[in-house]
Amino acid sequence: MHIAEGVLSAPVLAAGAAGAAVGSAYGLKKLDEEDIPKTAIVSAALFVASLLHLPLGPTSVHLILNGFGGVILGWKIFPVFLLVLFLQAVLFQFGGLTVIGVNTILTALPGFLAFLLFRITAGSRAKEGKKIIIAGFGAGFIAVLGSALLLMSALIITEGSFRELAIVISLSYIPLALLEGSLTAVIISFLLKNKPEILRIN
């Protein structure tokens, strides 16, 4: 999810930059040496998944995987998305540097909320595989919808005339939310069987 440069107002850009800075700083503080390999792999997955874009007004539709990333990384999802979006802006001109803070919040904040949802729903019930997989679907689904709602809010706050466009764009993310929910559930199911410690369940 990338909002292009020149679309958002200065206050929205400033708020996004501040939020991204705080979230990324705390995420880096939570990064332990043993987390580096896992964080690097998830970062690469997020980077590759979001390279294919379908332009849609001032933004674009593509796999976000912020629900999956949030479930695995927690707070570390903030610096990861900041890095991913920076590389995409510099290397491929997706988004831009002035909007990198807002784009980080649009993707990372719902991902972190998905992490909290997954922890509350799944808890430590390692033997209840179906509930954990359902929690994974919910995390992927809600993370994308959360990103869409934040995107809609950013556009409407910037300019009231963006309201109809923002609603249309947000509705277009519903199929993507279903896809990402299903994909996240599949990934969680695989990890649950083969590497449950990544999910911090066992």
N, C-alpha and C. Protein backbone atom coordinates (compact mmCIF):
# COMPACT_ATOMS: atom_id res chain seq x y z
N MET A 1 0.86 -1.19 0.00
CA MET A 1 0.00 0.00 0.00
C MET A 1 0.89 1.23 0.00
N HIS A 2 0.80 2.01 -1.06
CA HIS A 2 1.63 3.20 -1.18
C HIS A 2 0.79 4.39 -1.59
N ILE A 3 0.77 5.42 -0.77
CA ILE A 3 0.18 6.69 -1.18
C ILE A 3 1.28 7.48 -1.88
N ALA A 4 0.95 8.05 -3.02
CA ALA A 4 1.95 8.78 -3.79
C ALA A 4 2.26 10.13 -3.16
N GLU A 5 3.40 10.68 -3.52
CA GLU A 5 3.78 12.00 -3.03
C GLU A 5 2.88 13.06 -3.64
N GLY A 6 2.69 14.16 -2.90
CA GLY A 6 1.91 15.27 -3.39
C GLY A 6 0.42 15.14 -3.19
N VAL A 7 -0.02 14.08 -2.49
CA VAL A 7 -1.45 13.85 -2.27
C VAL A 7 -1.90 14.33 -0.90
N LEU A 8 -1.12 14.04 0.13
CA LEU A 8 -1.52 14.30 1.50
C LEU A 8 -1.10 15.68 1.98
N SER A 9 -1.81 16.18 2.98
CA SER A 9 -1.51 17.49 3.55
C SER A 9 -0.31 17.39 4.50
N ALA A 10 0.28 18.54 4.79
CA ALA A 10 1.45 18.57 5.68
C ALA A 10 1.16 18.02 7.07
N PRO A 11 0.03 18.37 7.71
CA PRO A 11 -0.24 17.81 9.05
C PRO A 11 -0.34 16.29 9.05
N VAL A 12 -0.94 15.71 8.01
CA VAL A 12 -1.04 14.25 7.92
C VAL A 12 0.34 13.64 7.74
N LEU A 13 1.15 14.26 6.90
CA LEU A 13 2.52 13.77 6.69
C LEU A 13 3.33 13.85 7.98
N ALA A 14 3.17 14.95 8.72
CA ALA A 14 3.91 15.13 9.97
C ALA A 14 3.48 14.10 11.01
N ALA A 15 2.17 13.88 11.12
CA ALA A 15 1.67 12.89 12.08
C ALA A 15 2.16 11.50 11.73
N GLY A 16 2.16 11.18 10.45
CA GLY A 16 2.65 9.87 10.00
C GLY A 16 4.12 9.69 10.30
N ALA A 17 4.92 10.73 10.03
CA ALA A 17 6.35 10.65 10.29
C ALA A 17 6.63 10.46 11.78
N ALA A 18 5.90 11.19 12.62
CA ALA A 18 6.09 11.08 14.07
C ALA A 18 5.72 9.68 14.56
N GLY A 19 4.58 9.18 14.10
CA GLY A 19 4.14 7.85 14.51
C GLY A 19 5.09 6.77 14.06
N ALA A 20 5.58 6.88 12.82
CA ALA A 20 6.52 5.89 12.30
C ALA A 20 7.84 5.93 13.07
N ALA A 21 8.28 7.12 13.43
CA ALA A 21 9.53 7.26 14.18
C ALA A 21 9.43 6.61 15.56
N VAL A 22 8.33 6.87 16.26
CA VAL A 22 8.13 6.30 17.59
C VAL A 22 8.02 4.78 17.51
N GLY A 23 7.17 4.29 16.60
CA GLY A 23 6.99 2.85 16.47
C GLY A 23 8.26 2.14 16.07
N SER A 24 9.03 2.72 15.14
CA SER A 24 10.26 2.10 14.67
C SER A 24 11.33 2.10 15.77
N ALA A 25 11.41 3.20 16.51
CA ALA A 25 12.40 3.27 17.59
C ALA A 25 12.11 2.21 18.65
N TYR A 26 10.84 2.06 19.02
CA TYR A 26 10.50 1.06 20.03
C TYR A 26 10.68 -0.35 19.47
N GLY A 27 10.35 -0.53 18.19
CA GLY A 27 10.54 -1.83 17.56
C GLY A 27 12.00 -2.24 17.54
N LEU A 28 12.89 -1.30 17.24
CA LEU A 28 14.32 -1.60 17.26
C LEU A 28 14.82 -1.90 18.66
N LYS A 29 14.23 -1.23 19.64
CA LYS A 29 14.59 -1.49 21.03
C LYS A 29 14.22 -2.91 21.43
N LYS A 30 13.14 -3.42 20.85
CA LYS A 30 12.68 -4.77 21.17
C LYS A 30 13.40 -5.85 20.36
N LEU A 31 14.24 -5.44 19.41
CA LEU A 31 14.92 -6.40 18.54
C LEU A 31 16.11 -7.02 19.24
N ASP A 32 16.04 -8.31 19.53
CA ASP A 32 17.14 -9.04 20.13
C ASP A 32 17.99 -9.68 19.05
N GLU A 33 19.20 -10.05 19.40
CA GLU A 33 20.11 -10.67 18.43
C GLU A 33 19.51 -11.95 17.85
N GLU A 34 18.82 -12.71 18.68
CA GLU A 34 18.24 -13.97 18.21
C GLU A 34 17.06 -13.75 17.27
N ASP A 35 16.51 -12.53 17.26
CA ASP A 35 15.37 -12.21 16.38
C ASP A 35 15.81 -11.79 14.99
N ILE A 36 17.09 -11.51 14.80
CA ILE A 36 17.56 -10.94 13.54
C ILE A 36 17.29 -11.85 12.34
N PRO A 37 17.62 -13.16 12.39
CA PRO A 37 17.34 -14.00 11.22
C PRO A 37 15.86 -14.03 10.84
N LYS A 38 15.00 -14.22 11.84
CA LYS A 38 13.55 -14.25 11.58
C LYS A 38 13.07 -12.93 11.01
N THR A 39 13.55 -11.83 11.58
CA THR A 39 13.15 -10.50 11.11
C THR A 39 13.60 -10.27 9.68
N ALA A 40 14.80 -10.72 9.36
CA ALA A 40 15.34 -10.54 8.00
C ALA A 40 14.52 -11.33 6.98
N ILE A 41 14.13 -12.55 7.32
CA ILE A 41 13.35 -13.37 6.40
C ILE A 41 11.98 -12.76 6.16
N VAL A 42 11.33 -12.31 7.23
CA VAL A 42 10.01 -11.68 7.08
C VAL A 42 10.13 -10.39 6.28
N SER A 43 11.18 -9.62 6.51
CA SER A 43 11.39 -8.38 5.76
C SER A 43 11.50 -8.66 4.27
N ALA A 44 12.26 -9.70 3.91
CA ALA A 44 12.42 -10.07 2.50
C ALA A 44 11.08 -10.49 1.90
N ALA A 45 10.29 -11.25 2.67
CA ALA A 45 8.98 -11.70 2.18
C ALA A 45 8.06 -10.51 1.93
N LEU A 46 8.05 -9.55 2.85
CA LEU A 46 7.20 -8.37 2.69
C LEU A 46 7.65 -7.53 1.50
N PHE A 47 8.95 -7.43 1.32
CA PHE A 47 9.50 -6.64 0.21
C PHE A 47 9.08 -7.23 -1.13
N VAL A 48 9.25 -8.53 -1.27
CA VAL A 48 8.94 -9.20 -2.54
C VAL A 48 7.43 -9.19 -2.80
N ALA A 49 6.64 -9.47 -1.76
CA ALA A 49 5.19 -9.58 -1.93
C ALA A 49 4.56 -8.28 -2.41
N SER A 50 5.13 -7.17 -2.04
CA SER A 50 4.51 -5.88 -2.37
C SER A 50 5.09 -5.22 -3.62
N LEU A 51 5.87 -5.97 -4.39
CA LEU A 51 6.45 -5.39 -5.60
C LEU A 51 5.48 -5.34 -6.77
N LEU A 52 4.50 -6.25 -6.80
CA LEU A 52 3.54 -6.26 -7.89
C LEU A 52 2.37 -5.35 -7.53
N HIS A 53 2.14 -4.34 -8.36
CA HIS A 53 1.16 -3.30 -8.05
C HIS A 53 0.08 -3.20 -9.11
N LEU A 54 -1.13 -2.92 -8.64
CA LEU A 54 -2.24 -2.56 -9.51
C LEU A 54 -2.63 -1.13 -9.15
N PRO A 55 -2.29 -0.13 -9.99
CA PRO A 55 -2.60 1.27 -9.66
C PRO A 55 -4.09 1.46 -9.40
N LEU A 56 -4.40 2.26 -8.38
CA LEU A 56 -5.79 2.53 -8.03
C LEU A 56 -5.86 3.94 -7.46
N GLY A 57 -6.12 4.93 -8.32
CA GLY A 57 -6.16 6.33 -7.89
C GLY A 57 -4.81 6.77 -7.34
N PRO A 58 -4.80 7.41 -6.17
CA PRO A 58 -3.55 7.89 -5.59
C PRO A 58 -2.78 6.80 -4.84
N THR A 59 -3.27 5.57 -4.89
CA THR A 59 -2.61 4.47 -4.18
C THR A 59 -2.50 3.28 -5.13
N SER A 60 -2.20 2.10 -4.59
CA SER A 60 -2.10 0.90 -5.41
C SER A 60 -2.48 -0.30 -4.56
N VAL A 61 -2.95 -1.35 -5.23
CA VAL A 61 -3.35 -2.58 -4.55
C VAL A 61 -2.31 -3.66 -4.82
N HIS A 62 -1.89 -4.33 -3.79
CA HIS A 62 -0.92 -5.43 -3.90
C HIS A 62 -0.94 -6.19 -2.59
N LEU A 63 -0.30 -7.34 -2.56
CA LEU A 63 -0.18 -8.07 -1.30
C LEU A 63 0.56 -7.21 -0.29
N ILE A 64 0.04 -7.15 0.92
CA ILE A 64 0.67 -6.37 1.99
C ILE A 64 1.33 -7.30 3.00
N LEU A 65 0.64 -8.36 3.38
CA LEU A 65 1.12 -9.35 4.36
C LEU A 65 1.45 -8.72 5.72
N ASN A 66 0.79 -7.61 6.02
CA ASN A 66 1.09 -6.97 7.30
C ASN A 66 0.50 -7.75 8.48
N GLY A 67 -0.58 -8.50 8.24
CA GLY A 67 -1.10 -9.35 9.30
C GLY A 67 -0.12 -10.46 9.65
N PHE A 68 0.38 -11.12 8.63
CA PHE A 68 1.40 -12.17 8.83
C PHE A 68 2.64 -11.58 9.50
N GLY A 69 3.12 -10.45 8.97
CA GLY A 69 4.32 -9.83 9.54
C GLY A 69 4.11 -9.42 10.99
N GLY A 70 2.92 -8.89 11.29
CA GLY A 70 2.64 -8.48 12.65
C GLY A 70 2.60 -9.65 13.61
N VAL A 71 1.97 -10.76 13.19
CA VAL A 71 1.89 -11.95 14.05
C VAL A 71 3.28 -12.46 14.39
N ILE A 72 4.18 -12.44 13.43
CA ILE A 72 5.52 -12.98 13.65
C ILE A 72 6.43 -12.00 14.39
N LEU A 73 6.29 -10.70 14.10
CA LEU A 73 7.28 -9.73 14.58
C LEU A 73 6.81 -8.83 15.72
N GLY A 74 5.51 -8.65 15.89
CA GLY A 74 5.05 -7.74 16.93
C GLY A 74 5.50 -6.31 16.66
N TRP A 75 6.08 -5.66 17.68
CA TRP A 75 6.53 -4.27 17.55
C TRP A 75 7.55 -4.08 16.43
N LYS A 76 8.30 -5.13 16.12
CA LYS A 76 9.36 -5.02 15.11
C LYS A 76 8.82 -4.81 13.70
N ILE A 77 7.50 -4.93 13.54
CA ILE A 77 6.89 -4.70 12.24
C ILE A 77 7.08 -3.24 11.80
N PHE A 78 7.21 -2.31 12.74
CA PHE A 78 7.38 -0.90 12.39
C PHE A 78 8.71 -0.62 11.67
N PRO A 79 9.86 -0.96 12.27
CA PRO A 79 11.11 -0.71 11.53
C PRO A 79 11.23 -1.55 10.27
N VAL A 80 10.62 -2.73 10.26
CA VAL A 80 10.67 -3.57 9.07
C VAL A 80 9.95 -2.90 7.90
N PHE A 81 8.74 -2.42 8.14
CA PHE A 81 8.01 -1.76 7.05
C PHE A 81 8.67 -0.44 6.67
N LEU A 82 9.24 0.25 7.63
CA LEU A 82 9.95 1.49 7.31
C LEU A 82 11.10 1.20 6.33
N LEU A 83 11.85 0.14 6.60
CA LEU A 83 12.95 -0.23 5.72
C LEU A 83 12.45 -0.69 4.36
N VAL A 84 11.42 -1.54 4.36
CA VAL A 84 10.87 -2.04 3.11
C VAL A 84 10.37 -0.90 2.23
N LEU A 85 9.63 0.03 2.82
CA LEU A 85 9.08 1.15 2.06
C LEU A 85 10.17 2.10 1.58
N PHE A 86 11.22 2.26 2.40
CA PHE A 86 12.35 3.10 1.98
C PHE A 86 13.03 2.51 0.75
N LEU A 87 13.29 1.21 0.79
CA LEU A 87 13.96 0.56 -0.35
C LEU A 87 13.09 0.61 -1.60
N GLN A 88 11.79 0.42 -1.43
CA GLN A 88 10.90 0.47 -2.59
C GLN A 88 10.82 1.88 -3.17
N ALA A 89 10.85 2.89 -2.30
CA ALA A 89 10.81 4.27 -2.78
C ALA A 89 12.09 4.63 -3.54
N VAL A 90 13.21 4.19 -3.01
CA VAL A 90 14.51 4.54 -3.61
C VAL A 90 14.78 3.72 -4.86
N LEU A 91 14.48 2.43 -4.82
CA LEU A 91 14.84 1.54 -5.92
C LEU A 91 13.80 1.51 -7.04
N PHE A 92 12.51 1.63 -6.67
CA PHE A 92 11.45 1.44 -7.66
C PHE A 92 10.49 2.62 -7.76
N GLN A 93 10.72 3.67 -7.00
CA GLN A 93 9.86 4.85 -7.01
C GLN A 93 8.42 4.53 -6.65
N PHE A 94 8.23 3.55 -5.76
CA PHE A 94 6.90 3.28 -5.21
C PHE A 94 6.69 4.17 -3.99
N GLY A 95 5.58 4.90 -3.95
CA GLY A 95 5.35 5.80 -2.82
C GLY A 95 6.25 7.01 -2.94
N GLY A 96 7.12 7.20 -1.97
CA GLY A 96 8.04 8.33 -1.97
C GLY A 96 8.57 8.57 -0.58
N LEU A 97 9.61 9.38 -0.48
CA LEU A 97 10.25 9.62 0.81
C LEU A 97 9.42 10.55 1.70
N THR A 98 8.69 11.48 1.12
CA THR A 98 7.92 12.40 1.96
C THR A 98 6.71 11.71 2.60
N VAL A 99 6.24 10.64 1.99
CA VAL A 99 5.07 9.93 2.52
C VAL A 99 5.44 8.62 3.21
N ILE A 100 6.74 8.39 3.39
CA ILE A 100 7.16 7.11 3.94
C ILE A 100 6.64 6.90 5.37
N GLY A 101 6.53 7.98 6.13
CA GLY A 101 6.02 7.86 7.50
C GLY A 101 4.56 7.42 7.50
N VAL A 102 3.74 8.07 6.69
CA VAL A 102 2.33 7.72 6.60
C VAL A 102 2.17 6.30 6.08
N ASN A 103 2.90 5.95 5.03
CA ASN A 103 2.80 4.60 4.48
C ASN A 103 3.24 3.54 5.48
N THR A 104 4.21 3.89 6.32
CA THR A 104 4.64 2.96 7.36
C THR A 104 3.52 2.73 8.37
N ILE A 105 2.85 3.82 8.78
CA ILE A 105 1.74 3.70 9.72
C ILE A 105 0.59 2.92 9.10
N LEU A 106 0.29 3.18 7.83
CA LEU A 106 -0.81 2.49 7.15
C LEU A 106 -0.63 0.97 7.16
N THR A 107 0.61 0.53 7.07
CA THR A 107 0.87 -0.91 7.00
C THR A 107 1.24 -1.52 8.35
N ALA A 108 2.10 -0.83 9.10
CA ALA A 108 2.64 -1.42 10.33
C ALA A 108 1.65 -1.38 11.50
N LEU A 109 0.93 -0.28 11.66
CA LEU A 109 0.00 -0.18 12.80
C LEU A 109 -1.08 -1.26 12.76
N PRO A 110 -1.76 -1.47 11.62
CA PRO A 110 -2.72 -2.58 11.57
C PRO A 110 -2.05 -3.94 11.77
N GLY A 111 -0.80 -4.07 11.30
CA GLY A 111 -0.07 -5.31 11.51
C GLY A 111 0.19 -5.57 12.98
N PHE A 112 0.52 -4.52 13.71
CA PHE A 112 0.74 -4.67 15.15
C PHE A 112 -0.58 -4.98 15.87
N LEU A 113 -1.66 -4.36 15.44
CA LEU A 113 -2.97 -4.65 16.03
C LEU A 113 -3.36 -6.10 15.74
N ALA A 114 -2.98 -6.60 14.55
CA ALA A 114 -3.22 -8.02 14.22
C ALA A 114 -2.43 -8.92 15.16
N PHE A 115 -1.23 -8.51 15.50
CA PHE A 115 -0.40 -9.24 16.45
C PHE A 115 -1.11 -9.35 17.81
N LEU A 116 -1.65 -8.24 18.27
CA LEU A 116 -2.37 -8.25 19.55
C LEU A 116 -3.62 -9.13 19.47
N LEU A 117 -4.35 -9.03 18.37
CA LEU A 117 -5.53 -9.85 18.19
C LEU A 117 -5.17 -11.33 18.20
N PHE A 118 -4.10 -11.66 17.49
CA PHE A 118 -3.69 -13.06 17.42
C PHE A 118 -3.31 -13.58 18.81
N ARG A 119 -2.58 -12.79 19.57
CA ARG A 119 -2.16 -13.21 20.91
C ARG A 119 -3.37 -13.41 21.83
N ILE A 120 -4.33 -12.49 21.74
CA ILE A 120 -5.52 -12.58 22.60
C ILE A 120 -6.37 -13.79 22.21
N THR A 121 -6.52 -13.99 20.89
CA THR A 121 -7.39 -15.06 20.40
C THR A 121 -6.75 -16.43 20.54
N ALA A 122 -5.46 -16.53 20.14
CA ALA A 122 -4.78 -17.82 20.15
C ALA A 122 -4.27 -18.17 21.54
N GLY A 123 -3.79 -17.16 22.26
CA GLY A 123 -3.24 -17.39 23.60
C GLY A 123 -2.10 -18.39 23.56
N SER A 124 -2.11 -19.32 24.47
CA SER A 124 -1.05 -20.35 24.52
C SER A 124 -1.63 -21.73 24.24
N ARG A 125 -2.74 -21.74 23.49
CA ARG A 125 -3.44 -23.00 23.26
C ARG A 125 -2.84 -23.73 22.06
N ALA A 126 -1.63 -24.28 22.25
CA ALA A 126 -0.91 -24.90 21.15
C ALA A 126 -1.64 -26.11 20.58
N LYS A 127 -2.43 -26.79 21.42
CA LYS A 127 -3.11 -27.99 20.95
C LYS A 127 -4.40 -27.68 20.20
N GLU A 128 -4.86 -26.46 20.32
CA GLU A 128 -6.10 -26.08 19.66
C GLU A 128 -5.77 -25.45 18.31
N GLY A 129 -5.30 -26.31 17.41
CA GLY A 129 -4.80 -25.83 16.12
C GLY A 129 -5.82 -25.05 15.31
N LYS A 130 -7.07 -25.51 15.30
CA LYS A 130 -8.09 -24.84 14.50
C LYS A 130 -8.32 -23.41 14.98
N LYS A 131 -8.33 -23.20 16.29
CA LYS A 131 -8.54 -21.85 16.81
C LYS A 131 -7.39 -20.93 16.44
N ILE A 132 -6.18 -21.49 16.45
CA ILE A 132 -5.01 -20.68 16.10
C ILE A 132 -5.02 -20.32 14.62
N ILE A 133 -5.42 -21.26 13.77
CA ILE A 133 -5.50 -20.99 12.34
C ILE A 133 -6.59 -19.94 12.06
N ILE A 134 -7.72 -20.05 12.74
CA ILE A 134 -8.77 -19.04 12.59
C ILE A 134 -8.27 -17.67 13.05
N ALA A 135 -7.50 -17.67 14.14
CA ALA A 135 -6.90 -16.42 14.61
C ALA A 135 -5.97 -15.85 13.56
N GLY A 136 -5.25 -16.73 12.85
CA GLY A 136 -4.37 -16.27 11.78
C GLY A 136 -5.15 -15.63 10.65
N PHE A 137 -6.28 -16.25 10.28
CA PHE A 137 -7.12 -15.66 9.24
C PHE A 137 -7.61 -14.28 9.69
N GLY A 138 -8.07 -14.20 10.93
CA GLY A 138 -8.56 -12.92 11.44
C GLY A 138 -7.48 -11.85 11.44
N ALA A 139 -6.26 -12.25 11.78
CA ALA A 139 -5.15 -11.29 11.80
C ALA A 139 -4.88 -10.75 10.40
N GLY A 140 -4.81 -11.65 9.40
CA GLY A 140 -4.56 -11.21 8.03
C GLY A 140 -5.68 -10.36 7.48
N PHE A 141 -6.91 -10.74 7.77
CA PHE A 141 -8.08 -10.04 7.26
C PHE A 141 -8.20 -8.64 7.88
N ILE A 142 -8.10 -8.58 9.19
CA ILE A 142 -8.28 -7.31 9.89
C ILE A 142 -7.13 -6.34 9.61
N ALA A 143 -5.92 -6.86 9.43
CA ALA A 143 -4.79 -5.98 9.14
C ALA A 143 -4.99 -5.23 7.84
N VAL A 144 -5.47 -5.92 6.81
CA VAL A 144 -5.70 -5.25 5.52
C VAL A 144 -6.85 -4.26 5.62
N LEU A 145 -7.93 -4.65 6.29
CA LEU A 145 -9.04 -3.71 6.47
C LEU A 145 -8.60 -2.49 7.28
N GLY A 146 -7.75 -2.72 8.29
CA GLY A 146 -7.23 -1.60 9.07
C GLY A 146 -6.42 -0.65 8.22
N SER A 147 -5.61 -1.20 7.33
CA SER A 147 -4.82 -0.36 6.42
C SER A 147 -5.74 0.45 5.51
N ALA A 148 -6.80 -0.20 5.02
CA ALA A 148 -7.74 0.50 4.14
C ALA A 148 -8.44 1.64 4.88
N LEU A 149 -8.83 1.41 6.12
CA LEU A 149 -9.50 2.45 6.90
C LEU A 149 -8.56 3.62 7.20
N LEU A 150 -7.30 3.31 7.51
CA LEU A 150 -6.33 4.38 7.74
C LEU A 150 -6.07 5.17 6.47
N LEU A 151 -5.99 4.47 5.35
CA LEU A 151 -5.82 5.14 4.07
C LEU A 151 -6.99 6.08 3.80
N MET A 152 -8.20 5.59 4.01
CA MET A 152 -9.40 6.40 3.80
C MET A 152 -9.37 7.63 4.70
N SER A 153 -8.99 7.44 5.95
CA SER A 153 -8.94 8.55 6.90
C SER A 153 -7.92 9.60 6.47
N ALA A 154 -6.74 9.13 6.03
CA ALA A 154 -5.69 10.07 5.61
C ALA A 154 -6.14 10.91 4.43
N LEU A 155 -6.83 10.29 3.49
CA LEU A 155 -7.30 11.03 2.31
C LEU A 155 -8.40 12.02 2.67
N ILE A 156 -9.33 11.59 3.50
CA ILE A 156 -10.45 12.47 3.87
C ILE A 156 -9.97 13.65 4.72
N ILE A 157 -9.04 13.38 5.65
CA ILE A 157 -8.50 14.47 6.48
C ILE A 157 -7.76 15.48 5.61
N THR A 158 -7.08 14.99 4.59
CA THR A 158 -6.33 15.88 3.70
C THR A 158 -7.27 16.76 2.88
N GLU A 159 -8.30 16.14 2.34
CA GLU A 159 -9.22 16.88 1.47
C GLU A 159 -10.58 16.21 1.49
N GLY A 160 -11.59 16.95 1.93
CA GLY A 160 -12.94 16.38 2.04
C GLY A 160 -13.47 15.84 0.74
N SER A 161 -13.03 16.43 -0.38
CA SER A 161 -13.52 15.98 -1.68
C SER A 161 -13.01 14.60 -2.06
N PHE A 162 -12.03 14.10 -1.29
CA PHE A 162 -11.51 12.75 -1.53
C PHE A 162 -12.43 11.68 -0.95
N ARG A 163 -13.51 12.08 -0.28
CA ARG A 163 -14.33 11.13 0.47
C ARG A 163 -14.81 9.96 -0.41
N GLU A 164 -15.44 10.27 -1.55
CA GLU A 164 -15.98 9.21 -2.40
C GLU A 164 -14.87 8.32 -2.92
N LEU A 165 -13.77 8.93 -3.36
CA LEU A 165 -12.64 8.15 -3.85
C LEU A 165 -12.08 7.26 -2.75
N ALA A 166 -11.97 7.81 -1.54
CA ALA A 166 -11.42 7.05 -0.43
C ALA A 166 -12.29 5.85 -0.09
N ILE A 167 -13.61 6.03 -0.15
CA ILE A 167 -14.53 4.93 0.14
C ILE A 167 -14.41 3.84 -0.91
N VAL A 168 -14.33 4.23 -2.18
CA VAL A 168 -14.19 3.26 -3.27
C VAL A 168 -12.89 2.47 -3.11
N ILE A 169 -11.80 3.18 -2.82
CA ILE A 169 -10.52 2.50 -2.65
C ILE A 169 -10.57 1.54 -1.48
N SER A 170 -11.16 1.96 -0.38
CA SER A 170 -11.25 1.11 0.80
C SER A 170 -12.05 -0.15 0.52
N LEU A 171 -13.17 -0.01 -0.19
CA LEU A 171 -13.99 -1.17 -0.52
C LEU A 171 -13.25 -2.14 -1.42
N SER A 172 -12.35 -1.61 -2.25
CA SER A 172 -11.60 -2.48 -3.16
C SER A 172 -10.63 -3.39 -2.41
N TYR A 173 -10.36 -3.06 -1.15
CA TYR A 173 -9.43 -3.88 -0.37
C TYR A 173 -10.12 -5.08 0.30
N ILE A 174 -11.43 -5.17 0.23
CA ILE A 174 -12.12 -6.29 0.87
C ILE A 174 -11.71 -7.63 0.26
N PRO A 175 -11.69 -7.79 -1.10
CA PRO A 175 -11.21 -9.06 -1.66
C PRO A 175 -9.77 -9.35 -1.26
N LEU A 176 -8.94 -8.30 -1.21
CA LEU A 176 -7.55 -8.50 -0.80
C LEU A 176 -7.48 -8.96 0.66
N ALA A 177 -8.35 -8.41 1.49
CA ALA A 177 -8.39 -8.81 2.90
C ALA A 177 -8.74 -10.28 3.04
N LEU A 178 -9.69 -10.75 2.24
CA LEU A 178 -10.07 -12.16 2.27
C LEU A 178 -8.91 -13.04 1.80
N LEU A 179 -8.23 -12.59 0.74
CA LEU A 179 -7.08 -13.34 0.22
C LEU A 179 -5.97 -13.41 1.26
N GLU A 180 -5.65 -12.27 1.87
CA GLU A 180 -4.56 -12.25 2.83
C GLU A 180 -4.92 -12.99 4.12
N GLY A 181 -6.20 -12.95 4.49
CA GLY A 181 -6.62 -13.73 5.65
C GLY A 181 -6.39 -15.21 5.40
N SER A 182 -6.78 -15.67 4.21
CA SER A 182 -6.61 -17.08 3.86
C SER A 182 -5.13 -17.45 3.77
N LEU A 183 -4.34 -16.59 3.15
CA LEU A 183 -2.92 -16.85 3.02
C LEU A 183 -2.23 -16.89 4.37
N THR A 184 -2.59 -15.96 5.25
CA THR A 184 -2.01 -15.94 6.59
C THR A 184 -2.39 -17.19 7.36
N ALA A 185 -3.63 -17.65 7.21
CA ALA A 185 -4.07 -18.88 7.88
C ALA A 185 -3.25 -20.08 7.40
N VAL A 186 -2.98 -20.14 6.11
CA VAL A 186 -2.18 -21.24 5.55
C VAL A 186 -0.76 -21.20 6.12
N ILE A 187 -0.18 -20.02 6.17
CA ILE A 187 1.18 -19.88 6.70
C ILE A 187 1.23 -20.25 8.18
N ILE A 188 0.24 -19.79 8.94
CA ILE A 188 0.18 -20.10 10.37
C ILE A 188 0.03 -21.60 10.58
N SER A 189 -0.80 -22.24 9.74
CA SER A 189 -0.99 -23.69 9.83
C SER A 189 0.33 -24.42 9.59
N PHE A 190 1.07 -23.97 8.58
CA PHE A 190 2.37 -24.59 8.28
C PHE A 190 3.35 -24.41 9.43
N LEU A 191 3.43 -23.20 9.96
CA LEU A 191 4.35 -22.93 11.06
C LEU A 191 3.94 -23.69 12.31
N LEU A 192 2.65 -23.82 12.53
CA LEU A 192 2.15 -24.52 13.70
C LEU A 192 2.60 -25.99 13.70
N LYS A 193 2.66 -26.58 12.52
CA LYS A 193 3.06 -27.98 12.39
C LYS A 193 4.58 -28.16 12.38
N ASN A 194 5.28 -27.19 11.83
CA ASN A 194 6.70 -27.38 11.59
C ASN A 194 7.63 -26.51 12.45
N LYS A 195 7.17 -25.35 12.86
CA LYS A 195 8.03 -24.43 13.63
C LYS A 195 7.18 -23.62 14.60
N PRO A 196 6.49 -24.26 15.55
CA PRO A 196 5.56 -23.52 16.42
C PRO A 196 6.24 -22.50 17.31
N GLU A 197 7.53 -22.65 17.55
CA GLU A 197 8.21 -21.68 18.40
C GLU A 197 8.26 -20.29 17.78
N ILE A 198 8.16 -20.21 16.45
CA ILE A 198 8.14 -18.91 15.78
C ILE A 198 6.90 -18.13 16.18
N LEU A 199 5.82 -18.86 16.44
CA LEU A 199 4.57 -18.23 16.85
C LEU A 199 4.52 -17.93 18.34
N ARG A 200 5.57 -18.32 19.04
CA ARG A 200 5.66 -18.13 20.50
C ARG A 200 4.49 -18.81 21.22
N ILE A 201 4.10 -19.95 20.71
CA ILE A 201 2.99 -20.68 21.33
C ILE A 201 3.51 -21.71 22.32
N ASN A 202 4.59 -22.41 21.94
CA ASN A 202 5.17 -23.39 22.85
C ASN A 202 6.30 -22.75 23.65
